Amino acid sequence: MGVQTRDVSSLIGLDAIEAAAREIDGHVVRTPTVPSPGLSALLGVPVTAKLELLQRTGSFKARGATVKLRSLTAAERAAGVVAVSGGNHAIAVADTAAGLGIAATVVMPEAASAGIVAACRATGADVRLTPDIAGAFALVDTLRADGLTLVHPFDDPRVIAGAGTVGLELAQDAGPLTDVMVSIGGGGLISGVAAALAELRPGVRVWGVETTGAEAMSAALRGGAPTTVTLSSIVTSLSAPAVSELTLAHVRKLVEEVLVVSDEEAVRGSRDLADHAKVWAEPAAGCLLPAARRVLERHPDARLGLVICGGNV
C-alpha cells in the first residue's frame, strides 16, 4: 500500500480537533494529565505525563479509530474495514469496530505482541500476520480490492484529528509547559498533538522521537519527501515503513526537531518509567526519556510534557 498523495496546503486545525473531541466524548477515556514527582526528580525539572497507556485498548490509537469508524457511511460499515498496524492501531480498530457492529480485518507483522494478536482475535476480527510490517502494508492493497474500507493508522485527517485530542487535553489540563515530547511511528500522533498545541499553547516546543531502525520521519525530513525505509528496530509500534505527505507537512511546520535514540535506550526508558513514574509503558514511550535528556542539555530550565503513548508491552 503506497503512501497516498493528497493536498496538504491546509493542515489539521483546531476546529477539526475539537469536532473529534466531541465525537469521541463518552466513547474513549479522557486520560489523566498529571505531574510526575518521580520523573521530575529523575530529570531535575518539572515533568507532566499524559497517560495514554490508560486508554481503552492500552494506547492513544482508540481516539483516531473511533473518529474514523463513526464517520463511515452505512455502505462502508456493511462492507467492513481493514487496518494495518504494528499492533496498537490494530487492536484499537478491532475493538472499536466490534462495538459498532462492523466486521474488521487487521494485518500485523509476526513480531507484534502476542497479547495484542490474541486481543484482536477475541473481538472477532480476522487477523492476518505477515513476516514484516512492509508486507503487512502490501497485503492491505489486496484486501481493499475486495471492498474493505481502509482505516489508515496515520495518513487520514480524521485519524490525525482524533490523535490531536491528546494535545487538546494536554493543553487544557497541564500546568506550564515549555517542551512536549511525542513518539513518532507514521507521525499521526505528533501531527495532531502539535496542531493542537500550536493553537492552544503557542511557543511550546514539540519534539519528535524515533528509534534507530524506525526512522521514517527523519528520512523524509532529510529527503524532502516520504520515502520507504529499511526497518530493524525492535519497537514495532513505531516501525512504519514510510510516513505520509500529510504527517511530514505537519512535522516540518510544527515540530522543533526529530530525535533518534537506540532500542537499548528506549527499553531502558521503559524501565525508568516503571521505576520512577510507576507506569509500565512500552518502549515506544520509553524512548521519550533519553530524548528528553538531550532536550535538557539545550534547555536546562525546561518544563516537560511527555505523551506516554501506550502500555502494550
Protein backbone atom coordinates (compact mmCIF):
# COMPACT_ATOMS: atom_id res chain seq x y z
CA MET A 1 0.00 0.00 0.00
CA GLY A 2 1.69 3.19 -1.15
CA VAL A 3 1.51 6.43 0.75
CA GLN A 4 -1.45 8.40 -0.50
CA THR A 5 -0.88 11.69 -2.28
CA ARG A 6 -3.14 14.47 -1.03
CA ASP A 7 -3.37 18.22 -0.84
CA VAL A 8 -1.57 19.27 2.33
CA SER A 9 -1.95 23.01 1.82
CA SER A 10 -4.22 23.10 4.84
CA LEU A 11 -3.03 21.28 7.95
CA ILE A 12 -5.36 19.89 10.61
CA GLY A 13 -6.84 22.82 12.52
CA LEU A 14 -8.23 23.28 16.00
CA ASP A 15 -11.82 23.17 14.70
CA ALA A 16 -11.29 19.63 13.39
CA ILE A 17 -9.66 18.53 16.64
CA GLU A 18 -12.45 20.00 18.74
CA ALA A 19 -15.00 18.26 16.50
CA ALA A 20 -13.12 14.99 17.03
CA ALA A 21 -13.23 15.59 20.80
CA ARG A 22 -17.00 15.89 20.64
CA GLU A 23 -17.18 12.73 18.52
CA ILE A 24 -15.19 10.61 20.98
CA ASP A 25 -16.76 12.04 24.13
CA GLY A 26 -18.20 9.14 26.08
CA HIS A 27 -16.51 6.57 23.85
CA VAL A 28 -12.85 6.86 24.92
CA VAL A 29 -11.16 7.71 28.20
CA ARG A 30 -10.13 11.26 28.99
CA THR A 31 -6.80 10.06 30.33
CA PRO A 32 -5.06 11.69 33.31
CA THR A 33 -2.61 14.53 32.77
CA VAL A 34 -0.55 14.50 35.96
CA PRO A 35 2.65 15.95 37.39
CA SER A 36 5.17 13.15 37.98
CA PRO A 37 7.24 13.68 41.13
CA GLY A 38 9.36 10.63 40.25
CA LEU A 39 10.22 11.78 36.73
CA SER A 40 10.74 15.33 37.95
CA ALA A 41 13.31 14.05 40.45
CA LEU A 42 14.94 11.83 37.82
CA LEU A 43 15.29 14.58 35.20
CA GLY A 44 15.71 17.54 37.53
CA VAL A 45 12.92 19.65 36.01
CA PRO A 46 9.11 19.67 36.33
CA VAL A 47 7.61 16.81 34.29
CA THR A 48 3.97 16.26 33.39
CA ALA A 49 2.81 12.93 31.95
CA LYS A 50 -0.21 12.39 29.69
CA LEU A 51 -1.12 8.79 30.48
CA GLU A 52 -2.47 7.41 27.22
CA LEU A 53 -1.46 3.92 28.31
CA LEU A 54 -4.63 4.03 30.44
CA GLN A 55 -6.71 4.49 27.30
CA ARG A 56 -9.15 1.86 26.12
CA THR A 57 -7.08 -0.92 24.42
CA GLY A 58 -3.93 0.49 26.06
CA SER A 59 -2.91 3.30 23.69
CA PHE A 60 -3.95 6.60 22.13
CA LYS A 61 -4.98 4.77 18.95
CA ALA A 62 -8.55 4.34 20.20
CA ARG A 63 -9.12 8.05 19.57
CA GLY A 64 -8.45 8.12 15.83
CA ALA A 65 -10.11 4.74 15.30
CA THR A 66 -13.28 5.96 16.97
CA VAL A 67 -13.43 9.17 14.93
CA LYS A 68 -12.84 7.35 11.65
CA LEU A 69 -15.18 4.42 12.22
CA ARG A 70 -18.03 6.59 13.43
CA SER A 71 -17.71 8.66 10.23
CA LEU A 72 -18.29 5.72 7.86
CA THR A 73 -21.35 5.53 5.64
CA ALA A 74 -23.87 2.72 6.05
CA ALA A 75 -22.47 1.03 2.95
CA GLU A 76 -18.90 1.24 4.25
CA ARG A 77 -19.94 -0.20 7.60
CA ALA A 78 -21.73 -3.07 5.87
CA ALA A 79 -18.69 -3.89 3.73
CA GLY A 80 -16.27 -3.94 6.67
CA VAL A 81 -12.89 -2.35 7.32
CA VAL A 82 -9.22 -3.24 7.20
CA ALA A 83 -6.38 -1.87 9.29
CA VAL A 84 -2.62 -2.37 9.17
CA SER A 85 -0.51 -1.89 12.27
CA GLY A 86 2.45 -2.84 14.38
CA GLY A 87 -0.16 -3.72 16.99
CA ASN A 88 -1.78 -0.80 18.80
CA HIS A 89 -3.80 0.55 15.87
CA ALA A 90 -4.95 -2.98 15.09
CA ILE A 91 -6.46 -3.64 18.49
CA ALA A 92 -8.00 -0.16 18.57
CA VAL A 93 -9.74 -0.72 15.24
CA ALA A 94 -10.75 -4.28 16.10
CA ASP A 95 -12.22 -3.29 19.45
CA THR A 96 -13.98 -0.15 18.20
CA ALA A 97 -15.35 -1.92 15.13
CA ALA A 98 -16.74 -4.73 17.28
CA GLY A 99 -18.57 -2.19 19.43
CA LEU A 100 -20.13 -0.66 16.31
CA GLY A 101 -21.04 -3.99 14.72
CA ILE A 102 -18.53 -3.58 11.87
CA ALA A 103 -16.55 -6.54 10.55
CA ALA A 104 -12.81 -5.84 10.81
CA THR A 105 -9.72 -7.40 9.28
CA VAL A 106 -6.41 -6.43 10.87
CA VAL A 107 -2.99 -7.06 9.37
CA MET A 108 0.09 -7.14 11.60
CA PRO A 109 3.70 -8.33 11.40
CA GLU A 110 4.51 -11.62 13.10
CA ALA A 111 6.63 -9.68 15.62
CA ALA A 112 3.53 -7.95 17.00
CA SER A 113 2.73 -8.57 20.66
CA ALA A 114 1.12 -11.97 21.20
CA GLY A 115 -1.21 -10.29 23.67
CA ILE A 116 -2.45 -7.83 21.06
CA VAL A 117 -2.92 -10.60 18.48
CA ALA A 118 -5.00 -12.56 20.99
CA ALA A 119 -6.98 -9.47 21.95
CA CYS A 120 -7.77 -8.73 18.29
CA ARG A 121 -8.98 -12.26 17.74
CA ALA A 122 -11.10 -12.05 20.89
CA THR A 123 -13.06 -9.17 19.35
CA GLY A 124 -14.00 -11.37 16.40
CA ALA A 125 -11.66 -9.61 13.98
CA ASP A 126 -10.00 -11.52 11.15
CA VAL A 127 -6.28 -11.35 11.98
CA ARG A 128 -3.69 -11.71 9.20
CA LEU A 129 0.01 -11.97 10.10
CA THR A 130 2.87 -11.20 7.70
CA PRO A 131 6.64 -11.61 8.05
CA ASP A 132 7.17 -7.87 8.49
CA ILE A 133 5.33 -4.53 8.60
CA ALA A 134 6.20 -3.75 4.97
CA GLY A 135 4.47 -6.97 3.97
CA ALA A 136 1.51 -6.04 6.13
CA PHE A 137 1.08 -2.75 4.29
CA ALA A 138 1.36 -4.57 0.96
CA LEU A 139 -1.34 -7.13 1.87
CA VAL A 140 -3.81 -4.33 2.55
CA ASP A 141 -3.97 -3.45 -1.16
CA THR A 142 -5.44 -6.88 -1.90
CA LEU A 143 -7.95 -6.59 0.91
CA ARG A 144 -9.05 -3.13 -0.18
CA ALA A 145 -9.67 -4.53 -3.66
CA ASP A 146 -12.18 -6.87 -2.03
CA GLY A 147 -14.22 -3.84 -0.96
CA LEU A 148 -12.98 -3.23 2.58
CA THR A 149 -12.55 0.36 3.73
CA LEU A 150 -9.07 1.24 4.92
CA VAL A 151 -8.66 2.72 8.39
CA HIS A 152 -5.16 4.07 7.92
CA PRO A 153 -3.02 4.34 11.08
CA PHE A 154 -1.85 7.88 10.29
CA ASP A 155 -2.48 9.09 6.73
CA ASP A 156 -6.04 10.25 7.34
CA PRO A 157 -7.25 13.69 8.50
CA ARG A 158 -9.88 12.17 10.80
CA VAL A 159 -7.36 9.85 12.44
CA ILE A 160 -4.94 12.76 12.95
CA ALA A 161 -7.73 14.92 14.38
CA GLY A 162 -8.56 12.10 16.78
CA ALA A 163 -4.93 11.89 17.86
CA GLY A 164 -4.97 15.67 18.22
CA THR A 165 -7.43 15.33 21.10
CA VAL A 166 -4.43 14.14 23.15
CA GLY A 167 -2.86 17.56 22.61
CA LEU A 168 -6.16 19.30 23.28
CA GLU A 169 -6.49 17.62 26.67
CA LEU A 170 -2.82 18.18 27.47
CA ALA A 171 -3.20 21.90 26.74
CA GLN A 172 -6.33 22.13 28.86
CA ASP A 173 -5.15 20.04 31.82
CA ALA A 174 -1.39 20.60 32.21
CA GLY A 175 0.31 23.36 34.12
CA PRO A 176 3.02 25.49 32.48
CA LEU A 177 5.00 23.66 29.78
CA THR A 178 7.88 24.67 27.56
CA ASP A 179 8.59 21.40 25.73
CA VAL A 180 6.48 18.37 24.81
CA MET A 181 7.93 15.02 23.76
CA VAL A 182 5.97 12.77 21.37
CA SER A 183 6.94 9.44 19.80
CA ILE A 184 6.76 9.03 16.02
CA GLY A 185 5.81 5.97 14.01
CA GLY A 186 3.95 7.22 10.95
CA GLY A 187 3.51 10.64 12.50
CA GLY A 188 -0.23 10.79 13.18
CA LEU A 189 0.08 11.38 16.93
CA ILE A 190 2.70 14.10 16.74
CA SER A 191 0.84 15.79 13.87
CA GLY A 192 -2.35 16.04 15.89
CA VAL A 193 -0.67 16.96 19.17
CA ALA A 194 1.50 19.62 17.53
CA ALA A 195 -1.52 21.09 15.70
CA ALA A 196 -3.47 21.40 18.95
CA LEU A 197 -0.57 22.88 20.90
CA ALA A 198 0.25 25.37 18.15
CA GLU A 199 -3.21 26.87 18.65
CA LEU A 200 -3.63 26.48 22.40
CA ARG A 201 -0.05 26.69 23.72
CA PRO A 202 1.83 28.82 21.16
CA GLY A 203 5.52 28.93 21.98
CA VAL A 204 5.64 25.39 23.37
CA ARG A 205 8.29 23.36 21.53
CA VAL A 206 7.21 19.93 20.29
CA TRP A 207 9.91 17.29 19.81
CA GLY A 208 9.52 14.03 17.95
CA VAL A 209 11.31 10.83 18.94
CA GLU A 210 12.14 7.78 16.81
CA THR A 211 14.26 4.71 17.44
CA THR A 212 17.22 3.60 15.36
CA GLY A 213 15.91 1.37 12.61
CA ALA A 214 12.48 3.02 12.62
CA GLU A 215 13.40 6.41 11.20
CA ALA A 216 10.79 7.07 8.53
CA MET A 217 10.17 10.67 9.58
CA SER A 218 13.87 11.51 9.87
CA ALA A 219 14.45 10.08 6.39
CA ALA A 220 11.55 12.08 4.98
CA LEU A 221 12.84 15.29 6.54
CA ARG A 222 16.31 14.69 5.09
CA GLY A 223 15.00 13.82 1.64
CA GLY A 224 12.17 16.33 1.49
CA ALA A 225 9.51 13.68 0.81
CA PRO A 226 8.21 10.41 2.26
CA THR A 227 10.47 7.50 1.42
CA THR A 228 10.37 3.81 2.28
CA VAL A 229 12.98 2.87 4.89
CA THR A 230 14.52 -0.40 5.99
CA LEU A 231 13.13 -1.35 9.39
CA SER A 232 15.22 -3.03 12.07
CA SER A 233 14.03 -1.58 15.40
CA ILE A 234 12.52 -3.92 17.96
CA VAL A 235 9.97 -1.19 18.69
CA THR A 236 7.35 -2.48 16.27
CA SER A 237 4.73 0.08 17.27
CA LEU A 238 6.98 2.82 15.85
CA SER A 239 8.00 0.86 12.75
CA ALA A 240 6.12 2.47 9.87
CA PRO A 241 7.83 1.78 6.54
CA ALA A 242 7.14 5.37 5.46
CA VAL A 243 5.41 8.47 6.73
CA SER A 244 2.90 10.36 4.58
CA GLU A 245 2.93 13.72 2.87
CA LEU A 246 0.30 14.84 5.37
CA THR A 247 2.24 13.90 8.51
CA LEU A 248 5.52 15.14 7.04
CA ALA A 249 3.92 18.53 6.37
CA HIS A 250 2.79 18.81 9.99
CA VAL A 251 6.18 17.85 11.37
CA ARG A 252 8.07 20.14 9.01
CA LYS A 253 5.95 23.13 10.03
CA LEU A 254 5.11 22.47 13.69
CA VAL A 255 7.85 20.30 15.24
CA GLU A 256 11.12 21.60 16.63
CA GLU A 257 13.22 18.54 15.74
CA VAL A 258 13.04 14.77 15.48
CA LEU A 259 15.49 12.99 17.77
CA VAL A 260 16.60 9.37 17.32
CA VAL A 261 17.51 7.07 20.20
CA SER A 262 18.64 3.45 20.26
CA ASP A 263 16.44 0.47 21.06
CA GLU A 264 18.53 -0.09 24.16
CA GLU A 265 17.84 3.46 25.34
CA ALA A 266 14.12 3.03 24.66
CA VAL A 267 13.93 -0.18 26.69
CA ARG A 268 15.92 1.44 29.50
CA GLY A 269 13.46 4.32 29.33
CA SER A 270 10.56 1.91 29.87
CA ARG A 271 12.33 0.60 32.96
CA ASP A 272 12.84 4.16 34.18
CA LEU A 273 9.14 4.90 33.66
CA ALA A 274 8.31 1.84 35.75
CA ASP A 275 10.80 2.70 38.49
CA HIS A 276 10.18 6.45 38.70
CA ALA A 277 6.73 7.15 37.26
CA LYS A 278 5.24 3.83 38.39
CA VAL A 279 3.75 3.13 34.97
CA TRP A 280 4.56 0.13 32.79
CA ALA A 281 4.85 1.66 29.34
CA GLU A 282 6.05 0.21 26.05
CA PRO A 283 9.43 1.19 24.54
CA ALA A 284 7.56 3.47 22.12
CA ALA A 285 7.01 5.64 25.19
CA GLY A 286 10.26 4.72 26.94
CA CYS A 287 12.19 6.37 24.11
CA LEU A 288 10.97 9.77 25.33
CA LEU A 289 13.22 9.76 28.39
CA PRO A 290 16.63 9.58 26.66
CA ALA A 291 15.38 12.15 24.15
CA ALA A 292 14.22 14.40 27.00
CA ARG A 293 17.73 14.36 28.42
CA ARG A 294 19.04 15.68 25.10
CA VAL A 295 16.45 18.46 25.13
CA LEU A 296 17.51 19.39 28.66
CA GLU A 297 21.12 19.73 27.53
CA ARG A 298 19.91 22.59 25.30
CA HIS A 299 17.14 23.91 27.53
CA PRO A 300 18.07 23.15 31.16
CA ASP A 301 15.16 25.16 32.55
CA ALA A 302 12.51 23.33 30.55
CA ARG A 303 9.14 22.23 31.90
CA LEU A 304 8.47 18.95 30.14
CA GLY A 305 5.33 17.23 28.97
CA LEU A 306 5.61 13.55 27.99
CA VAL A 307 2.91 11.79 26.00
CA ILE A 308 3.04 8.24 27.35
CA CYS A 309 1.51 6.80 24.20
CA GLY A 310 0.85 3.19 25.17
CA GLY A 311 1.34 0.33 27.59
CA ASN A 312 1.03 -2.78 25.43
CA VAL A 313 4.39 -4.28 26.32
